[in-house]
Amino acid sequence: PFELHDFVATATRLEVKTAIDIRRHHFTLEQLQPPAGTRLVICSIVTKRSTRGLTIDELRARILDRVNDPHLAFRVEQTIASTLGDRWLDTTSQRYALDVAASTLAFYDGALVPRVNPNLPPEVSRVRFVVELDAVPTLDASVFPGLGSLTGLRGRLRGETNR
């Protein structure tokens, strides 16, 4: 939760966003301005509350079941705790539709995400805003090298395995 982007490779930044019901995500202006020579890809997942879905704790357990490295498992636990903070107790009973999340997985070119004007007065910093991505075109996984392997997330979100 304290890093600018969720995943970083040499020339690519991947930012993963989740939303409930509407593809509306929170960004900082800095998040949408990757370093020169890098490409920003936004992974967007929309889900909805569901009486038959998974709780965050059940999803956490599924993720940890797939992690074989104790350091990575600790990092997952730490990230969840840091992200949820005081809201942890509020989220333990809420259930989310995993099938909806899997079917709504979409990728966007960060350069096309609407944003506020980056020419801010020097007195203004830490700009945060919300963007609805419905009008932004999605990336075709075959056009962007490396993105194709991420589309396998759909199956993993549905609980399919390829081990």
Protein backbone atom coordinates (compact mmCIF):
# COMPACT_ATOMS: atom_id res chain seq x y z
CA PRO A 1 0.00 0.00 0.00
CA PHE A 2 2.96 2.35 0.34
CA GLU A 3 4.49 1.73 -3.10
CA LEU A 4 3.55 3.88 -6.07
CA HIS A 5 2.78 0.88 -8.32
CA ASP A 6 1.82 -2.68 -7.44
CA PHE A 7 4.30 -4.38 -9.80
CA VAL A 8 7.43 -3.00 -11.41
CA ALA A 9 9.48 -4.39 -14.30
CA THR A 10 12.21 -2.68 -16.27
CA ALA A 11 9.95 -0.88 -18.75
CA THR A 12 6.50 -1.59 -17.32
CA ARG A 13 4.50 -0.61 -14.27
CA LEU A 14 1.33 -2.51 -13.37
CA GLU A 15 -1.25 -0.95 -11.08
CA VAL A 16 -4.06 -3.24 -9.89
CA LYS A 17 -7.36 -1.62 -8.94
CA THR A 18 -10.53 -3.14 -7.55
CA ALA A 19 -13.99 -1.67 -7.26
CA ILE A 20 -17.46 -2.72 -6.19
CA ASP A 21 -20.32 -2.50 -8.72
CA ILE A 22 -18.85 0.33 -10.88
CA ARG A 23 -15.46 0.50 -12.62
CA ARG A 24 -14.50 3.59 -10.64
CA HIS A 25 -10.98 3.71 -9.20
CA HIS A 26 -8.93 5.98 -6.96
CA PHE A 27 -5.63 7.27 -8.34
CA THR A 28 -2.96 9.71 -7.37
CA LEU A 29 -1.63 12.00 -10.06
CA GLU A 30 1.82 10.57 -9.39
CA GLN A 31 0.58 6.99 -10.08
CA LEU A 32 -0.49 7.99 -13.58
CA GLN A 33 2.89 9.55 -14.39
CA PRO A 34 5.36 6.65 -14.69
CA PRO A 35 9.04 7.36 -15.30
CA ALA A 36 10.06 8.31 -18.84
CA GLY A 37 10.51 5.28 -21.06
CA THR A 38 8.12 3.07 -19.07
CA ARG A 39 4.59 1.96 -19.81
CA LEU A 40 1.84 1.95 -17.21
CA VAL A 41 -0.83 -0.75 -17.40
CA ILE A 42 -3.91 -0.60 -15.19
CA CYS A 43 -5.50 -3.92 -14.23
CA SER A 44 -9.11 -3.31 -13.22
CA ILE A 45 -11.35 -5.79 -11.41
CA VAL A 46 -14.96 -5.05 -10.53
CA THR A 47 -16.95 -7.24 -8.19
CA LYS A 48 -20.13 -7.08 -6.17
CA ARG A 49 -21.21 -8.13 -2.75
CA SER A 50 -22.75 -11.59 -2.65
CA THR A 51 -24.14 -13.83 0.07
CA ARG A 52 -22.46 -16.83 -1.59
CA GLY A 53 -19.12 -15.20 -2.41
CA LEU A 54 -15.79 -15.30 -0.63
CA THR A 55 -14.79 -13.19 2.33
CA ILE A 56 -11.47 -11.36 2.20
CA ASP A 57 -10.14 -13.84 4.74
CA GLU A 58 -11.15 -16.80 2.54
CA LEU A 59 -9.52 -15.14 -0.47
CA ARG A 60 -6.40 -14.52 1.63
CA ALA A 61 -6.30 -18.22 2.53
CA ARG A 62 -6.61 -19.21 -1.15
CA ILE A 63 -3.75 -16.91 -2.08
CA LEU A 64 -1.52 -18.18 0.72
CA ASP A 65 -2.29 -21.77 -0.29
CA ARG A 66 -0.63 -21.01 -3.64
CA VAL A 67 2.44 -19.30 -2.16
CA ASN A 68 5.39 -21.59 -1.43
CA ASP A 69 7.84 -18.92 -0.23
CA PRO A 70 7.48 -17.95 3.47
CA HIS A 71 8.89 -14.47 2.81
CA LEU A 72 6.34 -13.88 0.07
CA ALA A 73 3.55 -15.24 2.28
CA PHE A 74 4.57 -12.79 4.99
CA ARG A 75 4.56 -9.99 2.41
CA VAL A 76 1.02 -10.94 1.34
CA GLU A 77 -0.16 -10.91 4.96
CA GLN A 78 1.60 -7.60 5.60
CA THR A 79 0.09 -6.00 2.50
CA ILE A 80 -3.42 -7.10 3.41
CA ALA A 81 -3.04 -5.85 6.98
CA SER A 82 -1.58 -2.52 5.85
CA THR A 83 -4.23 -2.04 3.19
CA LEU A 84 -7.21 -2.84 5.39
CA GLY A 85 -5.87 -1.39 8.63
CA ASP A 86 -8.71 -0.59 11.04
CA ARG A 87 -11.28 -1.78 8.48
CA TRP A 88 -10.19 -5.41 8.87
CA LEU A 89 -13.02 -6.31 11.26
CA ASP A 90 -15.59 -4.60 9.03
CA THR A 91 -14.51 -6.69 6.05
CA THR A 92 -14.31 -10.16 7.60
CA SER A 93 -18.01 -10.93 7.20
CA GLN A 94 -18.61 -9.25 3.83
CA ARG A 95 -18.65 -11.63 0.86
CA TYR A 96 -17.77 -10.82 -2.75
CA ALA A 97 -18.70 -12.56 -6.01
CA LEU A 98 -15.55 -14.16 -7.36
CA ASP A 99 -17.16 -15.04 -10.70
CA VAL A 100 -18.04 -11.38 -11.28
CA ALA A 101 -14.48 -10.36 -10.48
CA ALA A 102 -13.12 -12.91 -12.96
CA SER A 103 -15.49 -11.88 -15.74
CA THR A 104 -14.74 -8.16 -15.36
CA LEU A 105 -10.94 -8.39 -15.39
CA ALA A 106 -9.73 -5.73 -17.85
CA PHE A 107 -6.47 -3.98 -18.71
CA TYR A 108 -6.01 -0.32 -19.66
CA ASP A 109 -3.18 1.75 -21.05
CA GLY A 110 -2.30 4.14 -18.23
CA ALA A 111 -1.58 6.90 -20.75
CA LEU A 112 -5.28 6.90 -21.74
CA VAL A 113 -6.69 7.16 -18.21
CA PRO A 114 -8.28 10.61 -17.70
CA ARG A 115 -6.51 12.75 -15.13
CA VAL A 116 -6.29 16.22 -13.74
CA ASN A 117 -3.89 18.69 -15.32
CA PRO A 118 -0.38 17.76 -14.13
CA ASN A 119 0.80 21.40 -14.27
CA LEU A 120 0.14 22.12 -10.61
CA PRO A 121 1.26 25.15 -8.66
CA PRO A 122 4.26 24.30 -6.47
CA GLU A 123 2.10 24.68 -3.35
CA VAL A 124 -0.19 21.80 -4.44
CA SER A 125 0.86 18.18 -3.97
CA ARG A 126 -0.47 14.69 -3.28
CA VAL A 127 -3.42 15.06 -5.66
CA ARG A 128 -5.94 12.20 -5.42
CA PHE A 129 -8.97 11.71 -7.67
CA VAL A 130 -11.47 9.11 -8.84
CA VAL A 131 -11.78 7.96 -12.46
CA GLU A 132 -14.57 5.95 -14.06
CA LEU A 133 -12.98 3.78 -16.74
CA ASP A 134 -16.08 2.71 -18.69
CA ALA A 135 -15.32 5.10 -21.59
CA VAL A 136 -11.60 4.20 -21.74
CA PRO A 137 -10.69 1.53 -24.33
CA THR A 138 -9.30 -1.71 -22.94
CA LEU A 139 -5.97 -3.18 -23.99
CA ASP A 140 -6.00 -6.21 -26.24
CA ALA A 141 -3.78 -8.74 -24.49
CA SER A 142 -2.27 -9.86 -27.79
CA VAL A 143 -1.05 -6.34 -28.62
CA PHE A 144 0.92 -5.79 -25.42
CA PRO A 145 3.77 -8.28 -24.87
CA GLY A 146 3.64 -9.87 -21.44
CA LEU A 147 -0.01 -9.08 -20.85
CA GLY A 148 -1.19 -12.40 -22.27
CA SER A 149 0.14 -14.33 -19.28
CA LEU A 150 -1.78 -12.04 -16.94
CA THR A 151 -5.09 -12.94 -18.59
CA GLY A 152 -4.65 -16.35 -16.96
CA LEU A 153 -5.77 -14.51 -13.84
CA ARG A 154 -9.36 -15.04 -14.97
CA GLY A 155 -9.03 -18.78 -14.43
CA ARG A 156 -7.13 -18.35 -11.18
CA LEU A 157 -9.78 -15.94 -9.91
CA ARG A 158 -12.42 -18.55 -10.69
CA GLY A 159 -10.43 -21.08 -8.68
CA GLU A 160 -9.10 -23.05 -11.67
CA THR A 161 -5.58 -24.31 -11.29
CA ASN A 162 -2.92 -25.21 -13.79
CA ARG A 163 -0.42 -26.76 -11.40
